[in-house]
Amino acid sequence: MTIHQIYTGTTASITDLKRDPMGTINTGTAINGTMAILNRNQPAFYCVTPELFKYLQNAIEDFELGKTALERKADGKFIAVNLDDL
């Protein structure tokens, strides 16, 4: 038997989701914006609110931009720029 970690405090079963999709999602995501949907007591997927999804997308984009900046900084090729000339 495989044990899976659940990364949120709110869960619902697939059956609950089928019975009342929007009620289950609205109730489950009301506390912290996330909930796990379980199939046979194992996480099948996670639901997040649109606001949290937008936040996560922006965080991923910021992370990728930061990674690109660090890679370019490691190259050591810098160009002197006067801000007044821009």
PDB file of N, CA and C in Angstrom:
ATOM      1  N   MET A   1       0.838  -1.176   0.000  1.00  0.00           N
ATOM      2  CA  MET A   1       0.000   0.000   0.000  1.00  0.00           C
ATOM      3  C   MET A   1       0.886   1.244   0.000  1.00  0.00           C
ATOM      4  N   THR A   2       0.697   2.060  -0.990  1.00  0.00           N
ATOM      5  CA  THR A   2       1.468   3.283  -1.118  1.00  0.00           C
ATOM      6  C   THR A   2       0.816   4.398  -0.310  1.00  0.00           C
ATOM      7  N   ILE A   3       1.636   5.120   0.426  1.00  0.00           N
ATOM      8  CA  ILE A   3       1.140   6.248   1.212  1.00  0.00           C
ATOM      9  C   ILE A   3       1.508   7.525   0.469  1.00  0.00           C
ATOM     10  N   HIS A   4       0.515   8.375   0.266  1.00  0.00           N
ATOM     11  CA  HIS A   4       0.719   9.639  -0.435  1.00  0.00           C
ATOM     12  C   HIS A   4       0.543  10.792   0.538  1.00  0.00           C
ATOM     13  N   GLN A   5       1.415  11.760   0.445  1.00  0.00           N
ATOM     14  CA  GLN A   5       1.270  12.958   1.258  1.00  0.00           C
ATOM     15  C   GLN A   5       0.243  13.869   0.601  1.00  0.00           C
ATOM     16  N   ILE A   6      -0.613  14.464   1.403  1.00  0.00           N
ATOM     17  CA  ILE A   6      -1.606  15.412   0.898  1.00  0.00           C
ATOM     18  C   ILE A   6      -1.160  16.799   1.327  1.00  0.00           C
ATOM     19  N   TYR A   7      -1.057  17.699   0.355  1.00  0.00           N
ATOM     20  CA  TYR A   7      -0.458  19.007   0.584  1.00  0.00           C
ATOM     21  C   TYR A   7      -1.473  20.100   0.922  1.00  0.00           C
ATOM     22  N   THR A   8      -2.618  19.726   1.406  1.00  0.00           N
ATOM     23  CA  THR A   8      -3.613  20.701   1.827  1.00  0.00           C
ATOM     24  C   THR A   8      -4.439  20.102   2.963  1.00  0.00           C
ATOM     25  N   GLY A   9      -5.049  20.951   3.750  1.00  0.00           N
ATOM     26  CA  GLY A   9      -5.829  20.473   4.878  1.00  0.00           C
ATOM     27  C   GLY A   9      -7.262  20.110   4.520  1.00  0.00           C
ATOM     28  N   THR A  10      -7.684  20.423   3.301  1.00  0.00           N
ATOM     29  CA  THR A  10      -9.056  20.175   2.886  1.00  0.00           C
ATOM     30  C   THR A  10      -9.089  19.110   1.798  1.00  0.00           C
ATOM     31  N   THR A  11      -9.949  18.116   1.981  1.00  0.00           N
ATOM     32  CA  THR A  11     -10.084  17.054   0.986  1.00  0.00           C
ATOM     33  C   THR A  11     -11.552  16.767   0.726  1.00  0.00           C
ATOM     34  N   ALA A  12     -11.805  16.164  -0.426  1.00  0.00           N
ATOM     35  CA  ALA A  12     -13.139  15.678  -0.778  1.00  0.00           C
ATOM     36  C   ALA A  12     -12.949  14.482  -1.685  1.00  0.00           C
ATOM     37  N   SER A  13     -13.953  13.639  -1.745  1.00  0.00           N
ATOM     38  CA  SER A  13     -13.869  12.461  -2.601  1.00  0.00           C
ATOM     39  C   SER A  13     -14.399  12.783  -4.002  1.00  0.00           C
ATOM     40  N   ILE A  14     -14.055  11.951  -4.935  1.00  0.00           N
ATOM     41  CA  ILE A  14     -14.586  12.073  -6.292  1.00  0.00           C
ATOM     42  C   ILE A  14     -16.116  11.993  -6.247  1.00  0.00           C
ATOM     43  N   THR A  15     -16.634  11.142  -5.394  1.00  0.00           N
ATOM     44  CA  THR A  15     -18.087  10.996  -5.262  1.00  0.00           C
ATOM     45  C   THR A  15     -18.727  12.305  -4.823  1.00  0.00           C
ATOM     46  N   ASP A  16     -18.129  12.968  -3.828  1.00  0.00           N
ATOM     47  CA  ASP A  16     -18.642  14.275  -3.392  1.00  0.00           C
ATOM     48  C   ASP A  16     -18.605  15.275  -4.541  1.00  0.00           C
ATOM     49  N   LEU A  17     -17.530  15.247  -5.290  1.00  0.00           N
ATOM     50  CA  LEU A  17     -17.378  16.175  -6.412  1.00  0.00           C
ATOM     51  C   LEU A  17     -18.433  15.912  -7.480  1.00  0.00           C
ATOM     52  N   LYS A  18     -18.711  14.647  -7.767  1.00  0.00           N
ATOM     53  CA  LYS A  18     -19.739  14.308  -8.752  1.00  0.00           C
ATOM     54  C   LYS A  18     -21.129  14.722  -8.273  1.00  0.00           C
ATOM     55  N   ARG A  19     -21.386  14.549  -6.993  1.00  0.00           N
ATOM     56  CA  ARG A  19     -22.697  14.837  -6.426  1.00  0.00           C
ATOM     57  C   ARG A  19     -22.998  16.336  -6.459  1.00  0.00           C
ATOM     58  N   ASP A  20     -22.038  17.163  -6.074  1.00  0.00           N
ATOM     59  CA  ASP A  20     -22.237  18.617  -6.011  1.00  0.00           C
ATOM     60  C   ASP A  20     -20.923  19.315  -6.354  1.00  0.00           C
ATOM     61  N   PRO A  21     -20.619  19.429  -7.654  1.00  0.00           N
ATOM     62  CA  PRO A  21     -19.307  19.964  -8.043  1.00  0.00           C
ATOM     63  C   PRO A  21     -18.986  21.348  -7.477  1.00  0.00           C
ATOM     64  N   MET A  22     -19.831  22.329  -7.725  1.00  0.00           N
ATOM     65  CA  MET A  22     -19.517  23.689  -7.291  1.00  0.00           C
ATOM     66  C   MET A  22     -19.612  23.846  -5.776  1.00  0.00           C
ATOM     67  N   GLY A  23     -20.546  23.163  -5.147  1.00  0.00           N
ATOM     68  CA  GLY A  23     -20.647  23.229  -3.693  1.00  0.00           C
ATOM     69  C   GLY A  23     -19.415  22.647  -3.026  1.00  0.00           C
ATOM     70  N   THR A  24     -18.941  21.522  -3.543  1.00  0.00           N
ATOM     71  CA  THR A  24     -17.745  20.888  -2.991  1.00  0.00           C
ATOM     72  C   THR A  24     -16.530  21.780  -3.163  1.00  0.00           C
ATOM     73  N   ILE A  25     -16.366  22.327  -4.355  1.00  0.00           N
ATOM     74  CA  ILE A  25     -15.199  23.182  -4.625  1.00  0.00           C
ATOM     75  C   ILE A  25     -15.263  24.470  -3.815  1.00  0.00           C
ATOM     76  N   ASN A  26     -16.423  25.121  -3.796  1.00  0.00           N
ATOM     77  CA  ASN A  26     -16.540  26.380  -3.047  1.00  0.00           C
ATOM     78  C   ASN A  26     -16.308  26.183  -1.554  1.00  0.00           C
ATOM     79  N   THR A  27     -16.848  25.126  -1.003  1.00  0.00           N
ATOM     80  CA  THR A  27     -16.655  24.851   0.424  1.00  0.00           C
ATOM     81  C   THR A  27     -15.206  24.462   0.709  1.00  0.00           C
ATOM     82  N   GLY A  28     -14.647  23.622  -0.123  1.00  0.00           N
ATOM     83  CA  GLY A  28     -13.302  23.107   0.116  1.00  0.00           C
ATOM     84  C   GLY A  28     -12.200  24.129  -0.052  1.00  0.00           C
ATOM     85  N   THR A  29     -12.394  25.071  -0.968  1.00  0.00           N
ATOM     86  CA  THR A  29     -11.349  26.066  -1.215  1.00  0.00           C
ATOM     87  C   THR A  29     -11.561  27.353  -0.429  1.00  0.00           C
ATOM     88  N   ALA A  30     -12.605  27.408   0.393  1.00  0.00           N
ATOM     89  CA  ALA A  30     -12.927  28.646   1.126  1.00  0.00           C
ATOM     90  C   ALA A  30     -11.871  29.010   2.154  1.00  0.00           C
ATOM     91  N   ILE A  31     -11.205  28.038   2.755  1.00  0.00           N
ATOM     92  CA  ILE A  31     -10.271  28.327   3.850  1.00  0.00           C
ATOM     93  C   ILE A  31      -8.946  28.870   3.326  1.00  0.00           C
ATOM     94  N   ASN A  32      -8.252  28.108   2.500  1.00  0.00           N
ATOM     95  CA  ASN A  32      -6.937  28.568   2.035  1.00  0.00           C
ATOM     96  C   ASN A  32      -6.789  28.528   0.519  1.00  0.00           C
ATOM     97  N   GLY A  33      -7.876  28.311  -0.202  1.00  0.00           N
ATOM     98  CA  GLY A  33      -7.828  28.355  -1.660  1.00  0.00           C
ATOM     99  C   GLY A  33      -7.432  27.056  -2.327  1.00  0.00           C
ATOM    100  N   THR A  34      -7.229  25.996  -1.545  1.00  0.00           N
ATOM    101  CA  THR A  34      -6.830  24.715  -2.129  1.00  0.00           C
ATOM    102  C   THR A  34      -7.623  23.569  -1.522  1.00  0.00           C
ATOM    103  N   MET A  35      -7.727  22.496  -2.280  1.00  0.00           N
ATOM    104  CA  MET A  35      -8.290  21.258  -1.752  1.00  0.00           C
ATOM    105  C   MET A  35      -7.830  20.098  -2.621  1.00  0.00           C
ATOM    106  N   ALA A  36      -7.703  18.941  -2.007  1.00  0.00           N
ATOM    107  CA  ALA A  36      -7.321  17.727  -2.713  1.00  0.00           C
ATOM    108  C   ALA A  36      -8.578  16.913  -2.996  1.00  0.00           C
ATOM    109  N   ILE A  37      -8.666  16.385  -4.199  1.00  0.00           N
ATOM    110  CA  ILE A  37      -9.748  15.470  -4.549  1.00  0.00           C
ATOM    111  C   ILE A  37      -9.169  14.063  -4.493  1.00  0.00           C
ATOM    112  N   LEU A  38      -9.812  13.217  -3.710  1.00  0.00           N
ATOM    113  CA  LEU A  38      -9.299  11.866  -3.469  1.00  0.00           C
ATOM    114  C   LEU A  38     -10.084  10.833  -4.270  1.00  0.00           C
ATOM    115  N   ASN A  39      -9.361   9.869  -4.778  1.00  0.00           N
ATOM    116  CA  ASN A  39      -9.942   8.700  -5.422  1.00  0.00           C
ATOM    117  C   ASN A  39      -9.420   7.487  -4.671  1.00  0.00           C
ATOM    118  N   ARG A  40     -10.311   6.784  -3.985  1.00  0.00           N
ATOM    119  CA  ARG A  40      -9.937   5.644  -3.153  1.00  0.00           C
ATOM    120  C   ARG A  40      -8.885   6.040  -2.110  1.00  0.00           C
ATOM    121  N   ASN A  41      -9.133   7.170  -1.468  1.00  0.00           N
ATOM    122  CA  ASN A  41      -8.277   7.708  -0.400  1.00  0.00           C
ATOM    123  C   ASN A  41      -6.864   8.051  -0.840  1.00  0.00           C
ATOM    124  N   GLN A  42      -6.669   8.276  -2.121  1.00  0.00           N
ATOM    125  CA  GLN A  42      -5.387   8.752  -2.630  1.00  0.00           C
ATOM    126  C   GLN A  42      -5.640  10.018  -3.441  1.00  0.00           C
ATOM    127  N   PRO A  43      -4.754  11.013  -3.351  1.00  0.00           N
ATOM    128  CA  PRO A  43      -4.988  12.258  -4.085  1.00  0.00           C
ATOM    129  C   PRO A  43      -4.981  12.022  -5.595  1.00  0.00           C
ATOM    130  N   ALA A  44      -6.069  12.447  -6.243  1.00  0.00           N
ATOM    131  CA  ALA A  44      -6.172  12.342  -7.698  1.00  0.00           C
ATOM    132  C   ALA A  44      -5.750  13.660  -8.351  1.00  0.00           C
ATOM    133  N   PHE A  45      -6.167  14.771  -7.746  1.00  0.00           N
ATOM    134  CA  PHE A  45      -5.760  16.088  -8.234  1.00  0.00           C
ATOM    135  C   PHE A  45      -6.086  17.131  -7.179  1.00  0.00           C
ATOM    136  N   TYR A  46      -5.619  18.342  -7.416  1.00  0.00           N
ATOM    137  CA  TYR A  46      -5.855  19.459  -6.507  1.00  0.00           C
ATOM    138  C   TYR A  46      -6.684  20.520  -7.216  1.00  0.00           C
ATOM    139  N   CYS A  47      -7.562  21.166  -6.469  1.00  0.00           N
ATOM    140  CA  CYS A  47      -8.332  22.305  -6.957  1.00  0.00           C
ATOM    141  C   CYS A  47      -7.786  23.554  -6.278  1.00  0.00           C
ATOM    142  N   VAL A  48      -7.628  24.605  -7.051  1.00  0.00           N
ATOM    143  CA  VAL A  48      -7.207  25.890  -6.490  1.00  0.00           C
ATOM    144  C   VAL A  48      -8.138  26.969  -7.022  1.00  0.00           C
ATOM    145  N   THR A  49      -8.266  28.056  -6.274  1.00  0.00           N
ATOM    146  CA  THR A  49      -9.094  29.176  -6.712  1.00  0.00           C
ATOM    147  C   THR A  49      -8.397  29.900  -7.862  1.00  0.00           C
ATOM    148  N   PRO A  50      -9.162  30.620  -8.685  1.00  0.00           N
ATOM    149  CA  PRO A  50      -8.547  31.387  -9.771  1.00  0.00           C
ATOM    150  C   PRO A  50      -7.500  32.391  -9.261  1.00  0.00           C
ATOM    151  N   GLU A  51      -7.772  32.999  -8.113  1.00  0.00           N
ATOM    152  CA  GLU A  51      -6.818  33.973  -7.556  1.00  0.00           C
ATOM    153  C   GLU A  51      -5.498  33.299  -7.186  1.00  0.00           C
ATOM    154  N   LEU A  52      -5.582  32.135  -6.562  1.00  0.00           N
ATOM    155  CA  LEU A  52      -4.373  31.410  -6.196  1.00  0.00           C
ATOM    156  C   LEU A  52      -3.632  30.915  -7.437  1.00  0.00           C
ATOM    157  N   PHE A  53      -4.367  30.459  -8.432  1.00  0.00           N
ATOM    158  CA  PHE A  53      -3.741  30.005  -9.673  1.00  0.00           C
ATOM    159  C   PHE A  53      -2.977  31.149 -10.330  1.00  0.00           C
ATOM    160  N   LYS A  54      -3.582  32.349 -10.371  1.00  0.00           N
ATOM    161  CA  LYS A  54      -2.910  33.520 -10.939  1.00  0.00           C
ATOM    162  C   LYS A  54      -1.631  33.832 -10.157  1.00  0.00           C
ATOM    163  N   TYR A  55      -1.725  33.788  -8.822  1.00  0.00           N
ATOM    164  CA  TYR A  55      -0.559  34.029  -7.979  1.00  0.00           C
ATOM    165  C   TYR A  55       0.551  33.020  -8.285  1.00  0.00           C
ATOM    166  N   LEU A  56       0.190  31.744  -8.393  1.00  0.00           N
ATOM    167  CA  LEU A  56       1.185  30.706  -8.677  1.00  0.00           C
ATOM    168  C   LEU A  56       1.823  30.899 -10.047  1.00  0.00           C
ATOM    169  N   GLN A  57       1.025  31.260 -11.041  1.00  0.00           N
ATOM    170  CA  GLN A  57       1.562  31.512 -12.380  1.00  0.00           C
ATOM    171  C   GLN A  57       2.563  32.670 -12.342  1.00  0.00           C
ATOM    172  N   ASN A  58       2.211  33.745 -11.637  1.00  0.00           N
ATOM    173  CA  ASN A  58       3.124  34.893 -11.526  1.00  0.00           C
ATOM    174  C   ASN A  58       4.401  34.514 -10.780  1.00  0.00           C
ATOM    175  N   ALA A  59       4.279  33.709  -9.733  1.00  0.00           N
ATOM    176  CA  ALA A  59       5.456  33.282  -8.969  1.00  0.00           C
ATOM    177  C   ALA A  59       6.382  32.433  -9.832  1.00  0.00           C
ATOM    178  N   ILE A  60       5.817  31.553 -10.641  1.00  0.00           N
ATOM    179  CA  ILE A  60       6.625  30.725 -11.537  1.00  0.00           C
ATOM    180  C   ILE A  60       7.332  31.598 -12.565  1.00  0.00           C
ATOM    181  N   GLU A  61       6.615  32.579 -13.120  1.00  0.00           N
ATOM    182  CA  GLU A  61       7.212  33.485 -14.095  1.00  0.00           C
ATOM    183  C   GLU A  61       8.351  34.287 -13.459  1.00  0.00           C
ATOM    184  N   ASP A  62       8.140  34.795 -12.242  1.00  0.00           N
ATOM    185  CA  ASP A  62       9.189  35.536 -11.541  1.00  0.00           C
ATOM    186  C   ASP A  62      10.408  34.652 -11.278  1.00  0.00           C
ATOM    187  N   PHE A  63      10.167  33.407 -10.900  1.00  0.00           N
ATOM    188  CA  PHE A  63      11.259  32.473 -10.659  1.00  0.00           C
ATOM    189  C   PHE A  63      12.069  32.247 -11.936  1.00  0.00           C
ATOM    190  N   GLU A  64      11.376  32.031 -13.049  1.00  0.00           N
ATOM    191  CA  GLU A  64      12.066  31.811 -14.323  1.00  0.00           C
ATOM    192  C   GLU A  64      12.860  33.042 -14.745  1.00  0.00           C
ATOM    193  N   LEU A  65      12.296  34.237 -14.558  1.00  0.00           N
ATOM    194  CA  LEU A  65      13.021  35.465 -14.897  1.00  0.00           C
ATOM    195  C   LEU A  65      14.250  35.630 -14.006  1.00  0.00           C
ATOM    196  N   GLY A  66      14.117  35.312 -12.726  1.00  0.00           N
ATOM    197  CA  GLY A  66      15.255  35.380 -11.812  1.00  0.00           C
ATOM    198  C   GLY A  66      16.357  34.416 -12.204  1.00  0.00           C
ATOM    199  N   LYS A  67      15.957  33.222 -12.630  1.00  0.00           N
ATOM    200  CA  LYS A  67      16.933  32.230 -13.082  1.00  0.00           C
ATOM    201  C   LYS A  67      17.680  32.728 -14.324  1.00  0.00           C
ATOM    202  N   THR A  68      16.949  33.338 -15.247  1.00  0.00           N
ATOM    203  CA  THR A  68      17.562  33.897 -16.449  1.00  0.00           C
ATOM    204  C   THR A  68      18.528  35.022 -16.084  1.00  0.00           C
ATOM    205  N   ALA A  69      18.124  35.888 -15.152  1.00  0.00           N
ATOM    206  CA  ALA A  69      18.993  36.994 -14.730  1.00  0.00           C
ATOM    207  C   ALA A  69      20.275  36.471 -14.099  1.00  0.00           C
ATOM    208  N   LEU A  70      20.184  35.440 -13.256  1.00  0.00           N
ATOM    209  CA  LEU A  70      21.382  34.866 -12.633  1.00  0.00           C
ATOM    210  C   LEU A  70      22.306  34.223 -13.662  1.00  0.00           C
ATOM    211  N   GLU A  71      21.729  33.581 -14.663  1.00  0.00           N
ATOM    212  CA  GLU A  71      22.546  32.972 -15.720  1.00  0.00           C
ATOM    213  C   GLU A  71      23.291  34.044 -16.517  1.00  0.00           C
ATOM    214  N   ARG A  72      22.590  35.132 -16.829  1.00  0.00           N
ATOM    215  CA  ARG A  72      23.216  36.215 -17.580  1.00  0.00           C
ATOM    216  C   ARG A  72      24.276  36.922 -16.730  1.00  0.00           C
ATOM    217  N   LYS A  73      24.014  37.052 -15.439  1.00  0.00           N
ATOM    218  CA  LYS A  73      24.978  37.685 -14.539  1.00  0.00           C
ATOM    219  C   LYS A  73      26.241  36.841 -14.442  1.00  0.00           C
ATOM    220  N   ALA A  74      26.096  35.520 -14.485  1.00  0.00           N
ATOM    221  CA  ALA A  74      27.244  34.628 -14.395  1.00  0.00           C
ATOM    222  C   ALA A  74      28.145  34.728 -15.620  1.00  0.00           C
ATOM    223  N   ASP A  75      27.585  35.157 -16.762  1.00  0.00           N
ATOM    224  CA  ASP A  75      28.387  35.323 -17.977  1.00  0.00           C
ATOM    225  C   ASP A  75      29.443  36.407 -17.802  1.00  0.00           C
ATOM    226  N   GLY A  76      29.151  37.417 -16.997  1.00  0.00           N
ATOM    227  CA  GLY A  76      30.111  38.490 -16.747  1.00  0.00           C
ATOM    228  C   GLY A  76      30.196  39.528 -17.841  1.00  0.00           C
ATOM    229  N   LYS A  77      29.330  39.451 -18.825  1.00  0.00           N
ATOM    230  CA  LYS A  77      29.338  40.436 -19.917  1.00  0.00           C
ATOM    231  C   LYS A  77      28.392  41.574 -19.547  1.00  0.00           C
ATOM    232  N   PHE A  78      28.985  42.656 -19.061  1.00  0.00           N
ATOM    233  CA  PHE A  78      28.182  43.790 -18.630  1.00  0.00           C
ATOM    234  C   PHE A  78      28.412  44.970 -19.563  1.00  0.00           C
ATOM    235  N   ILE A  79      27.382  45.777 -19.755  1.00  0.00           N
ATOM    236  CA  ILE A  79      27.469  46.978 -20.585  1.00  0.00           C
ATOM    237  C   ILE A  79      27.150  48.158 -19.677  1.00  0.00           C
ATOM    238  N   ALA A  80      28.034  49.157 -19.673  1.00  0.00           N
ATOM    239  CA  ALA A  80      27.809  50.358 -18.868  1.00  0.00           C
ATOM    240  C   ALA A  80      26.725  51.201 -19.543  1.00  0.00           C
ATOM    241  N   VAL A  81      25.731  51.586 -18.751  1.00  0.00           N
ATOM    242  CA  VAL A  81      24.606  52.359 -19.284  1.00  0.00           C
ATOM    243  C   VAL A  81      24.357  53.533 -18.362  1.00  0.00           C
ATOM    244  N   ASN A  82      24.153  54.690 -18.964  1.00  0.00           N
ATOM    245  CA  ASN A  82      23.769  55.872 -18.207  1.00  0.00           C
ATOM    246  C   ASN A  82      22.252  55.967 -18.264  1.00  0.00           C
ATOM    247  N   LEU A  83      21.585  55.970 -17.123  1.00  0.00           N
ATOM    248  CA  LEU A  83      20.134  55.987 -17.102  1.00  0.00           C
ATOM    249  C   LEU A  83      19.546  57.232 -17.751  1.00  0.00           C
ATOM    250  N   ASP A  84      20.286  58.337 -17.723  1.00  0.00           N
ATOM    251  CA  ASP A  84      19.792  59.565 -18.340  1.00  0.00           C
ATOM    252  C   ASP A  84      19.747  59.449 -19.856  1.00  0.00           C
ATOM    253  N   ASP A  85      20.536  58.559 -20.431  1.00  0.00           N
ATOM    254  CA  ASP A  85      20.546  58.375 -21.878  1.00  0.00           C
ATOM    255  C   ASP A  85      19.380  57.513 -22.361  1.00  0.00           C
ATOM    256  N   LEU A  86      18.739  56.851 -21.455  1.00  0.00           N
ATOM    257  CA  LEU A  86      17.624  55.986 -21.859  1.00  0.00           C
ATOM    258  C   LEU A  86      16.432  56.785 -22.090  1.00  0.00           C
TER     259      LEU A  86
END
